[in-house]
Protein backbone atom coordinates (compact mmCIF):
# COMPACT_ATOMS: atom_id res chain seq x y z
CA MET A 1 12.18 -16.71 9.84
CA ILE A 2 8.53 -16.96 11.53
CA ALA A 3 8.97 -18.11 15.17
CA GLU A 4 7.13 -20.82 16.83
CA SER A 5 5.43 -18.54 19.27
CA ASP A 6 4.22 -16.31 16.43
CA ILE A 7 2.57 -19.48 14.78
CA GLN A 8 1.25 -20.54 18.18
CA ALA A 9 -0.45 -16.77 18.57
CA ALA A 10 -1.88 -16.97 15.06
CA ARG A 11 -4.05 -20.28 15.99
CA VAL A 12 -7.53 -19.68 17.12
CA PRO A 13 -8.25 -22.05 20.12
CA PHE A 14 -11.63 -23.35 21.74
CA ALA A 15 -12.73 -20.99 24.00
CA GLY A 16 -15.42 -19.72 26.55
CA ASP A 17 -18.86 -21.58 26.36
CA ASP A 18 -20.00 -24.85 24.57
CA THR A 19 -16.38 -25.81 24.09
CA PRO A 20 -16.16 -29.61 22.66
CA SER A 21 -15.70 -31.73 25.56
CA ASP A 22 -12.36 -33.26 25.68
CA ALA A 23 -13.79 -36.39 27.55
CA VAL A 24 -16.01 -37.03 24.66
CA ILE A 25 -13.38 -36.46 22.11
CA ASN A 26 -10.78 -38.81 23.87
CA THR A 27 -13.43 -41.83 23.73
CA CYS A 28 -12.93 -42.20 20.30
CA VAL A 29 -10.20 -44.78 19.75
CA HIS A 30 -9.97 -44.61 15.79
CA CYS A 31 -11.01 -47.84 15.08
CA GLY A 32 -12.99 -47.26 11.76
CA LEU A 33 -16.32 -49.15 12.38
CA CYS A 34 -17.90 -45.98 11.95
CA LEU A 35 -16.50 -45.40 8.34
CA SER A 36 -18.98 -47.45 6.11
CA SER A 37 -22.00 -45.45 8.22
CA CYS A 38 -20.90 -42.17 7.14
CA PRO A 39 -22.86 -40.86 4.31
CA THR A 40 -20.18 -38.25 3.07
CA TYR A 41 -17.34 -40.74 3.52
CA ARG A 42 -19.76 -43.14 1.44
CA GLU A 43 -19.44 -40.76 -1.27
CA THR A 44 -15.86 -39.48 -1.32
CA GLY A 45 -13.64 -42.45 0.54
CA LEU A 46 -11.72 -39.42 2.07
CA GLU A 47 -10.67 -39.73 5.59
CA MET A 48 -11.17 -36.14 6.50
CA PHE A 49 -15.07 -36.97 5.50
CA SER A 50 -15.48 -38.97 8.26
CA PRO A 51 -16.21 -39.22 11.93
CA ARG A 52 -12.82 -40.03 12.82
CA GLY A 53 -11.18 -37.52 10.71
CA ARG A 54 -13.44 -34.94 11.94
CA ILE A 55 -12.81 -35.82 15.46
CA TYR A 56 -9.25 -35.88 14.55
CA LEU A 57 -9.34 -32.19 13.66
CA MET A 58 -11.31 -31.47 16.84
CA LYS A 59 -8.63 -32.97 18.95
CA GLY A 60 -6.18 -30.80 16.96
CA VAL A 61 -7.63 -27.90 17.92
CA ALA A 62 -8.20 -28.85 21.56
CA ASP A 63 -4.70 -29.49 21.63
CA GLY A 64 -3.29 -26.53 19.89
CA ARG A 65 -1.79 -28.48 16.86
CA ILE A 66 -4.29 -26.46 14.69
CA GLY A 67 -6.70 -23.69 15.18
CA MET A 68 -9.91 -22.91 14.08
CA GLU A 69 -8.92 -20.54 11.18
CA SER A 70 -8.06 -24.05 9.63
CA ALA A 71 -9.94 -23.96 6.51
CA VAL A 72 -9.92 -27.83 6.42
CA PHE A 73 -11.62 -27.57 9.91
CA GLN A 74 -14.06 -25.25 8.94
CA GLU A 75 -14.95 -27.12 5.82
CA GLN A 76 -15.24 -30.49 7.66
CA MET A 77 -17.66 -29.15 10.44
CA SER A 78 -19.69 -27.57 7.75
CA ALA A 79 -19.71 -30.75 5.50
CA CYS A 80 -20.93 -33.13 8.33
CA LEU A 81 -24.70 -33.95 7.88
CA ASN A 82 -24.84 -34.48 11.74
CA CYS A 83 -26.77 -37.61 10.63
CA ARG A 84 -25.48 -39.50 13.90
CA ALA A 85 -25.03 -42.68 12.00
CA CYS A 86 -21.82 -43.08 13.52
CA GLU A 87 -23.39 -42.85 16.96
CA ALA A 88 -25.56 -45.80 16.26
CA VAL A 89 -22.49 -48.00 15.41
CA CYS A 90 -19.73 -46.65 17.57
CA PRO A 91 -18.63 -49.25 20.15
CA SER A 92 -17.32 -46.78 22.06
CA GLY A 93 -20.56 -44.80 22.44
CA VAL A 94 -19.08 -41.65 21.18
CA GLN A 95 -21.44 -38.83 21.54
CA TYR A 96 -20.26 -37.49 18.09
CA GLY A 97 -23.23 -34.96 17.61
CA GLN A 98 -22.40 -32.89 21.24
CA ILE A 99 -19.04 -32.28 19.90
CA LEU A 100 -19.79 -31.40 16.25
CA GLU A 101 -22.53 -28.96 17.52
CA ALA A 102 -19.78 -27.50 19.98
CA SER A 103 -17.58 -27.16 17.44
CA ARG A 104 -20.15 -25.34 15.14
CA ALA A 105 -20.66 -22.79 17.96
CA GLN A 106 -17.17 -22.44 18.69
CA ILE A 107 -16.64 -21.10 14.95
CA GLU A 108 -19.68 -18.67 15.21
CA GLN A 109 -18.44 -17.30 18.44
CA ALA A 110 -15.03 -16.69 17.20
CA ARG A 111 -16.56 -15.09 14.23
CA ASP A 112 -19.05 -12.82 16.58
CA ASP A 113 -15.80 -11.65 18.56
CA GLY A 114 -13.55 -11.26 15.86
CA ARG A 115 -11.34 -13.81 16.37
CA LEU A 116 -12.22 -14.97 12.90
CA PRO A 117 -13.53 -13.37 9.99
CA PRO A 118 -17.23 -12.51 10.08
CA HIS A 119 -19.47 -14.54 7.55
CA PRO A 120 -20.27 -12.46 4.01
CA TRP A 121 -23.02 -9.54 4.94
CA VAL A 122 -25.41 -11.77 2.56
CA VAL A 123 -24.78 -14.89 5.20
CA GLN A 124 -24.70 -12.60 8.22
CA LEU A 125 -28.35 -11.00 6.84
CA LEU A 126 -29.77 -14.40 6.01
CA ARG A 127 -28.71 -15.89 9.49
CA GLY A 128 -30.26 -12.86 11.39
CA GLY A 129 -33.43 -13.14 9.70
CA VAL A 130 -33.69 -17.09 9.83
CA PHE A 131 -32.50 -17.70 13.30
CA GLY A 132 -32.87 -14.41 15.10
CA ALA A 133 -36.74 -13.85 13.47
CA LEU A 134 -38.49 -16.25 11.56
CA PHE A 135 -37.90 -19.21 13.75
CA LYS A 136 -38.24 -17.50 17.16
CA ARG A 137 -41.20 -15.43 16.16
CA LEU A 138 -43.94 -17.96 14.59
CA GLU A 139 -46.08 -15.02 13.41
CA LEU A 140 -43.39 -13.85 11.16
CA PHE A 141 -42.97 -17.42 10.26
CA ARG A 142 -46.66 -17.72 9.37
CA ALA A 143 -46.83 -14.44 7.56
CA PHE A 144 -43.59 -15.93 5.03
CA SER A 145 -45.41 -19.11 4.58
CA ARG A 146 -48.60 -17.56 3.76
CA LEU A 147 -46.74 -15.48 0.91
CA MET A 148 -44.85 -18.84 -0.08
CA TRP A 149 -48.75 -20.13 -0.31
CA ILE A 150 -49.87 -17.13 -2.24
CA TYR A 151 -46.73 -17.61 -4.68
CA GLN A 152 -47.85 -21.22 -5.46
CA ARG A 153 -51.34 -20.59 -5.61
CA SER A 154 -51.40 -17.43 -7.80
CA GLY A 155 -49.49 -18.86 -10.78
CA VAL A 156 -46.31 -16.60 -10.06
CA GLN A 157 -44.55 -20.05 -9.17
CA ALA A 158 -45.56 -21.67 -12.23
CA ILE A 159 -44.50 -18.55 -14.36
CA ALA A 160 -41.11 -18.51 -12.41
CA ARG A 161 -40.36 -22.08 -13.10
CA GLY A 162 -41.64 -21.61 -16.99
CA THR A 163 -39.57 -18.59 -17.99
CA GLY A 164 -36.03 -19.74 -16.10
CA ILE A 165 -35.62 -16.75 -13.82
CA LEU A 166 -35.28 -18.89 -10.92
CA LYS A 167 -32.49 -20.78 -13.16
CA LEU A 168 -31.07 -17.42 -13.80
CA LEU A 169 -31.09 -16.16 -10.15
CA GLY A 170 -29.35 -19.64 -9.13
CA LEU A 171 -32.20 -20.57 -7.05
CA ALA A 172 -33.74 -23.37 -9.23
CA GLU A 173 -32.27 -26.48 -7.11
CA THR A 174 -33.38 -24.75 -3.97
CA GLU A 175 -37.08 -23.55 -4.99
CA THR A 176 -37.79 -27.39 -5.98
CA LEU A 177 -37.64 -28.19 -2.48
CA LEU A 178 -40.42 -25.55 -1.08
CA PRO A 179 -43.31 -28.04 -0.41
CA PRO A 180 -46.96 -26.94 -0.96
CA MET A 181 -48.21 -24.93 1.39
CA SER A 182 -51.33 -26.20 3.44
CA ASP A 183 -54.52 -23.99 2.73
CA THR A 184 -54.98 -23.58 6.60
CA PHE A 185 -52.24 -23.55 9.80
CA THR A 186 -52.06 -25.22 12.68
CA VAL A 187 -51.83 -22.18 14.98
CA PRO A 188 -51.46 -23.56 19.00
CA GLN A 189 -54.04 -21.70 21.01
CA GLY A 190 -55.09 -24.26 23.66
CA GLN A 191 -57.17 -26.59 21.62
CA ILE A 192 -58.16 -29.63 23.36
CA TYR A 193 -59.58 -32.45 21.33
CA PRO A 194 -61.26 -35.29 23.22
CA ALA A 195 -60.93 -38.92 22.75
CA GLU A 196 -63.08 -41.17 20.72
CA GLY A 197 -64.35 -43.35 23.24
CA GLU A 198 -62.56 -43.86 26.68
CA THR A 199 -59.79 -41.37 27.39
CA ARG A 200 -56.44 -43.58 28.27
CA TYR A 201 -53.81 -40.81 27.74
CA HIS A 202 -53.71 -37.31 28.00
CA VAL A 203 -50.88 -35.67 25.42
CA ALA A 204 -49.87 -32.31 23.89
CA LEU A 205 -48.71 -32.12 20.59
CA LEU A 206 -45.56 -29.81 19.35
CA ALA A 207 -47.16 -27.38 16.40
CA GLY A 208 -43.58 -26.44 15.60
CA CYS A 209 -42.78 -24.04 12.40
CA VAL A 210 -42.60 -25.86 9.27
CA MET A 211 -45.13 -28.74 10.03
CA SER A 212 -47.63 -26.19 11.29
CA THR A 213 -47.57 -24.45 8.00
CA ALA A 214 -46.60 -26.59 4.98
CA PHE A 215 -47.45 -29.83 6.54
CA ALA A 216 -50.43 -28.55 8.91
CA GLY A 217 -52.25 -31.86 7.21
CA VAL A 218 -49.87 -34.36 8.75
CA HIS A 219 -50.81 -32.61 12.27
CA ASP A 220 -54.54 -32.94 11.45
CA ALA A 221 -53.99 -36.66 10.80
CA THR A 222 -51.75 -37.00 13.85
CA ILE A 223 -54.78 -35.71 16.05
CA ARG A 224 -57.21 -37.95 14.41
CA VAL A 225 -55.05 -40.94 14.91
CA LEU A 226 -54.06 -40.40 18.40
CA ARG A 227 -57.80 -39.82 19.30
CA LYS A 228 -58.64 -42.89 17.93
CA ASN A 229 -56.19 -44.47 20.35
CA GLY A 230 -57.73 -42.93 23.31
CA CYS A 231 -55.90 -39.77 23.64
CA GLU A 232 -57.21 -36.41 24.28
CA VAL A 233 -54.49 -33.78 22.65
CA ILE A 234 -53.78 -30.47 23.71
CA LEU A 235 -52.37 -27.81 21.72
CA PRO A 236 -50.66 -26.03 24.26
CA PRO A 237 -50.16 -22.03 23.46
CA ASP A 238 -47.41 -20.35 23.66
CA GLN A 239 -44.89 -23.19 22.41
CA GLY A 240 -42.58 -22.34 19.58
CA CYS A 241 -39.91 -23.65 17.27
CA CYS A 242 -38.12 -26.45 18.86
CA GLY A 243 -34.59 -24.61 18.31
CA ALA A 244 -32.87 -27.75 16.28
CA LEU A 245 -31.98 -25.61 13.24
CA HIS A 246 -30.37 -23.17 15.97
CA VAL A 247 -28.39 -25.86 17.56
CA HIS A 248 -27.22 -27.55 14.26
CA GLY A 249 -26.29 -24.25 12.74
CA GLY A 250 -23.93 -23.17 15.87
CA ASP A 251 -26.56 -20.67 17.29
CA MET A 252 -26.61 -22.57 20.97
CA ASP A 253 -27.91 -19.73 22.67
CA GLY A 254 -30.76 -19.23 20.44
CA GLY A 255 -31.75 -22.94 20.69
CA ARG A 256 -31.47 -22.41 24.66
CA ASP A 257 -34.00 -19.57 24.38
CA LEU A 258 -36.55 -21.64 22.45
CA ALA A 259 -36.17 -24.74 24.71
CA ARG A 260 -36.88 -22.71 27.53
CA ARG A 261 -40.00 -21.35 25.88
CA ASN A 262 -41.43 -24.89 24.92
CA ILE A 263 -40.45 -26.18 28.64
CA ALA A 264 -42.77 -23.66 30.06
CA ALA A 265 -45.16 -24.24 27.93
CA PHE A 266 -45.82 -27.86 28.35
CA GLU A 267 -45.18 -27.88 32.18
CA GLY A 268 -47.68 -28.44 34.93
CA MET A 269 -50.30 -30.14 32.28
CA GLY A 270 -50.34 -33.71 33.92
CA LEU A 271 -49.28 -35.06 30.83
CA ASP A 272 -48.42 -38.72 29.68
CA ALA A 273 -46.40 -37.73 26.61
CA ILE A 274 -45.34 -34.59 24.51
CA ILE A 275 -45.93 -36.06 20.76
CA VAL A 276 -43.67 -35.03 18.14
CA ASN A 277 -44.26 -36.03 14.44
CA ALA A 278 -41.04 -34.34 12.97
CA ALA A 279 -38.07 -36.68 13.83
CA GLY A 280 -35.34 -33.85 13.65
CA CYS A 281 -37.75 -31.84 16.37
CA GLY A 282 -38.12 -34.83 18.51
CA SER A 283 -34.37 -35.39 18.76
CA THR A 284 -33.29 -32.00 19.76
CA MET A 285 -36.27 -32.01 22.26
CA LYS A 286 -35.24 -35.19 24.07
CA GLU A 287 -31.93 -33.82 24.41
CA TYR A 288 -32.99 -30.49 26.05
CA GLY A 289 -31.59 -31.82 29.21
CA HIS A 290 -27.91 -31.69 27.85
CA LEU A 291 -28.33 -28.30 26.07
CA LEU A 292 -29.35 -26.74 29.34
CA HIS A 293 -27.41 -29.15 31.91
CA ASP A 294 -25.26 -25.93 33.02
CA ASP A 295 -28.30 -23.90 33.83
CA PRO A 296 -29.09 -24.49 37.60
CA ALA A 297 -32.85 -22.73 36.97
CA TRP A 298 -33.72 -24.96 34.14
CA ALA A 299 -31.74 -28.18 34.42
CA ALA A 300 -33.91 -30.38 36.00
CA ARG A 301 -37.02 -28.75 34.39
CA ALA A 302 -35.27 -29.54 31.00
CA ALA A 303 -34.44 -33.00 32.00
CA ALA A 304 -38.00 -33.78 33.14
CA PHE A 305 -39.52 -32.21 29.62
CA SER A 306 -36.84 -34.51 27.74
CA ALA A 307 -38.16 -37.53 29.63
CA LYS A 308 -42.18 -37.07 28.35
CA VAL A 309 -40.93 -36.64 24.58
CA LYS A 310 -42.10 -39.21 22.07
CA ASP A 311 -42.10 -39.69 18.25
CA VAL A 312 -45.58 -40.58 17.55
CA SER A 313 -44.62 -43.88 16.25
CA GLU A 314 -42.47 -44.58 19.24
CA PHE A 315 -45.71 -43.75 21.57
CA LEU A 316 -48.06 -45.55 18.98
CA ALA A 317 -46.02 -48.50 19.13
CA GLY A 318 -45.94 -48.28 22.85
CA ILE A 319 -49.48 -48.92 23.55
CA PRO A 320 -52.12 -51.33 22.72
CA LEU A 321 -52.85 -49.97 19.09
CA ASN A 322 -56.37 -49.83 18.21
CA ARG A 323 -56.35 -52.22 15.13
CA ARG A 324 -60.04 -52.66 15.40
CA ASP A 325 -60.99 -49.84 13.49
CA LEU A 326 -57.99 -49.88 10.67
CA LYS A 327 -59.49 -50.59 7.13
CA PRO A 328 -57.86 -52.26 4.44
CA LEU A 329 -54.89 -49.73 2.71
CA PRO A 330 -54.02 -51.68 -0.49
CA ILE A 331 -51.02 -49.83 -1.47
CA THR A 332 -47.32 -50.82 -1.48
CA VAL A 333 -44.68 -48.74 0.18
CA THR A 334 -41.17 -48.42 1.15
CA TYR A 335 -39.96 -46.72 4.02
CA GLN A 336 -37.37 -44.07 4.03
CA GLU A 337 -35.54 -43.66 7.64
CA PRO A 338 -34.88 -40.00 8.77
CA CYS A 339 -31.47 -40.03 10.51
CA HIS A 340 -32.62 -38.04 13.42
CA LEU A 341 -35.37 -40.96 14.21
CA ALA A 342 -33.30 -44.09 13.49
CA HIS A 343 -29.71 -42.89 14.51
CA ALA A 344 -30.20 -40.13 17.21
CA GLN A 345 -33.21 -41.60 18.82
CA ARG A 346 -32.74 -45.13 18.04
CA ILE A 347 -36.61 -45.75 16.46
CA SER A 348 -36.39 -48.21 13.69
CA ALA A 349 -38.65 -51.05 14.42
CA GLN A 350 -41.55 -49.22 15.76
CA PRO A 351 -42.50 -47.15 12.22
CA ARG A 352 -42.27 -50.71 10.67
CA ALA A 353 -44.61 -52.23 12.79
CA LEU A 354 -47.26 -49.68 12.51
CA LEU A 355 -46.98 -49.73 8.79
CA ARG A 356 -47.64 -53.66 9.02
CA ALA A 357 -50.29 -53.32 11.06
CA ILE A 358 -52.31 -51.88 8.26
CA PRO A 359 -54.42 -54.33 6.51
CA GLY A 360 -53.59 -54.59 2.43
CA LEU A 361 -50.62 -52.67 3.17
CA MET A 362 -46.97 -53.80 1.56
CA LEU A 363 -43.76 -52.70 2.83
CA LYS A 364 -41.22 -53.33 0.71
CA GLU A 365 -37.67 -52.71 2.15
CA MET A 366 -35.22 -50.46 0.15
CA HIS A 367 -31.86 -50.60 0.06
CA GLU A 368 -29.72 -48.43 2.60
CA SER A 369 -33.04 -47.35 4.12
CA SER A 370 -31.13 -45.57 6.87
CA LEU A 371 -28.38 -43.99 4.78
CA CYS A 372 -28.95 -40.04 4.82
CA CYS A 373 -31.12 -38.59 2.08
CA GLY A 374 -28.78 -35.40 1.85
CA SER A 375 -31.62 -33.08 3.56
CA ALA A 376 -30.08 -32.68 7.28
CA GLY A 377 -31.74 -29.18 7.99
CA VAL A 378 -30.79 -26.67 5.88
CA TYR A 379 -27.55 -28.88 4.59
CA ASN A 380 -29.38 -29.35 1.03
CA VAL A 381 -29.19 -25.52 0.78
CA THR A 382 -25.36 -25.03 2.13
CA GLN A 383 -23.99 -28.08 0.72
CA PRO A 384 -25.90 -28.57 -2.37
CA GLU A 385 -23.78 -30.85 -4.45
CA MET A 386 -23.22 -33.60 -1.78
CA ALA A 387 -26.93 -33.29 -0.89
CA ALA A 388 -27.87 -33.84 -4.30
CA GLN A 389 -25.59 -36.82 -4.70
CA LEU A 390 -27.00 -38.42 -1.51
CA GLY A 391 -30.67 -37.59 -2.63
CA GLU A 392 -30.22 -39.04 -6.09
CA ARG A 393 -28.85 -42.39 -4.25
CA LYS A 394 -31.78 -42.62 -2.08
CA LEU A 395 -34.03 -42.13 -4.61
CA ASN A 396 -32.83 -44.68 -6.85
CA ASN A 397 -32.98 -47.07 -4.02
CA ALA A 398 -36.61 -45.95 -3.58
CA GLU A 399 -37.86 -46.78 -7.04
CA ALA A 400 -36.08 -49.79 -7.52
CA THR A 401 -38.62 -51.30 -5.11
CA LYS A 402 -41.43 -50.21 -7.30
CA ALA A 403 -43.49 -48.83 -4.66
CA GLU A 404 -46.02 -46.27 -4.97
CA VAL A 405 -45.33 -44.51 -1.57
CA LEU A 406 -42.36 -43.45 -0.28
CA VAL A 407 -42.86 -43.25 3.51
CA THR A 408 -40.88 -40.99 6.01
CA ALA A 409 -41.31 -38.84 8.93
CA ASN A 410 -39.46 -35.93 8.72
CA PRO A 411 -40.48 -32.52 6.76
CA GLY A 412 -36.89 -32.02 5.91
CA CYS A 413 -36.47 -35.73 4.18
CA HIS A 414 -40.22 -35.33 3.25
CA MET A 415 -39.34 -31.88 1.19
CA GLN A 416 -35.90 -33.36 -0.16
CA LEU A 417 -37.56 -36.78 -1.56
CA ALA A 418 -40.49 -35.09 -3.15
CA GLY A 419 -38.34 -32.68 -4.48
CA GLY A 420 -35.88 -35.23 -6.14
CA LEU A 421 -39.30 -37.35 -7.19
CA ARG A 422 -40.64 -33.56 -9.06
CA ARG A 423 -36.97 -33.24 -10.90
CA ARG A 424 -37.48 -36.80 -12.01
CA GLY A 425 -40.96 -37.00 -13.21
CA SER A 426 -41.79 -39.68 -10.98
CA ALA A 427 -44.97 -41.26 -10.14
CA MET A 428 -43.86 -42.00 -6.59
CA ARG A 429 -45.58 -40.22 -3.87
CA VAL A 430 -44.10 -38.86 -0.44
CA HIS A 431 -46.33 -39.52 2.58
CA HIS A 432 -45.73 -39.21 6.32
CA ILE A 433 -46.31 -42.48 7.98
CA ILE A 434 -49.26 -41.02 10.12
CA GLU A 435 -50.77 -39.90 6.96
CA LEU A 436 -51.18 -43.87 6.04
CA LEU A 437 -52.91 -44.64 9.30
CA ASP A 438 -54.96 -41.60 9.14
CA ALA A 439 -56.20 -43.19 5.88
CA ALA A 440 -56.59 -46.77 7.17
CA TYR A 441 -58.74 -45.47 9.78
CA ARG A 442 -60.87 -43.31 8.02
CA GLY A 443 -61.35 -46.35 5.70
CA ALA A 444 -59.83 -44.42 2.49
CA SER A 445 -59.01 -46.70 -0.56
CA SER A 446 -55.83 -44.33 -0.98
CA VAL A 447 -53.89 -41.96 0.44
CA GLN A 448 -54.03 -38.43 -0.82
């Protein structure tokens, strides 16, 4: 017979830094109002796939009833999209994202110190390469992106897709997510772009990682639109990745390193706002204050930084928009709300207001516009089955509107949706909201 003391000893508890807050866990009253907003619960109907069920598992570890070695606990911490839809509807104000990210960090810490079995060597290699190198050293990220550009432009991609080798390697679905790389990248080197006309605002733009390579054209459009609206736009040198993937993936210290780098890069510039055009980046940057709240040297600086962060749609909707120079753009669009814009930042009305400001544009609302598309950082790579189900659901709703353009405001969503549309052979195109505003200011008859 196994003694109770032996059972207790086998349990791996929360310990050390980044322990999920008991206060936040106990704020949940298990009312269930979050269930209908949770994408994984909507797909499965299973309690453990809901925020309430996952909080119950966290509380079980916190109270010592189960340990982090529990297969169900680990599965559910990974199966959650961290879309934060539950936070937006929670009457008790549970900060679910904080305790989920802390739980993931606890699992990774336990793997690192030997309390839990380590990841398979392939996963360790990928995590080390992605979190430890690519996203921490943007010169490496740009070099990798240039290789992807060569892969796409040289014809190798067409050969790989046509011969079926990607399918043989099990990479066919993942490879469809790869967006067309921009010909030129946005490299922040202290560039200053003057306002057109009177300078009313001094702002800086986060270049980021994926946005600066695959979506550099969105940065170009963002700069042009901001200049049209009286902004002097600065690209501070020494900035880097926002750290969102590190924080969401359980590497909190890696996220803190990147947060400190960005805070230092943007400080002391007398800025009216720090502009972000990627919803996931903006959400994490607005939470630098929480991320560094235990660091006495950086806590106040982080809070001051976060207070200046604005999504580009949030900023433009909050100033007198230059409507005079907007030309007609006769297209029909539908809007897909990125989770970290709608739920984490609570920005929902502003993008729609900007779209409606464009003459000739028709906005057709889709069903379940704020339900997660399944991208969620690298979720569509780590949880491909659930991601695919959610992606199909989103695209079914989008195509039902008969719109020409599917509008979003986050690179992960863009890649997920565009990849799904390519697989369907759909004529619908995906564009960032700022690209539509830019086309209208330039007098284009359509958005390219």
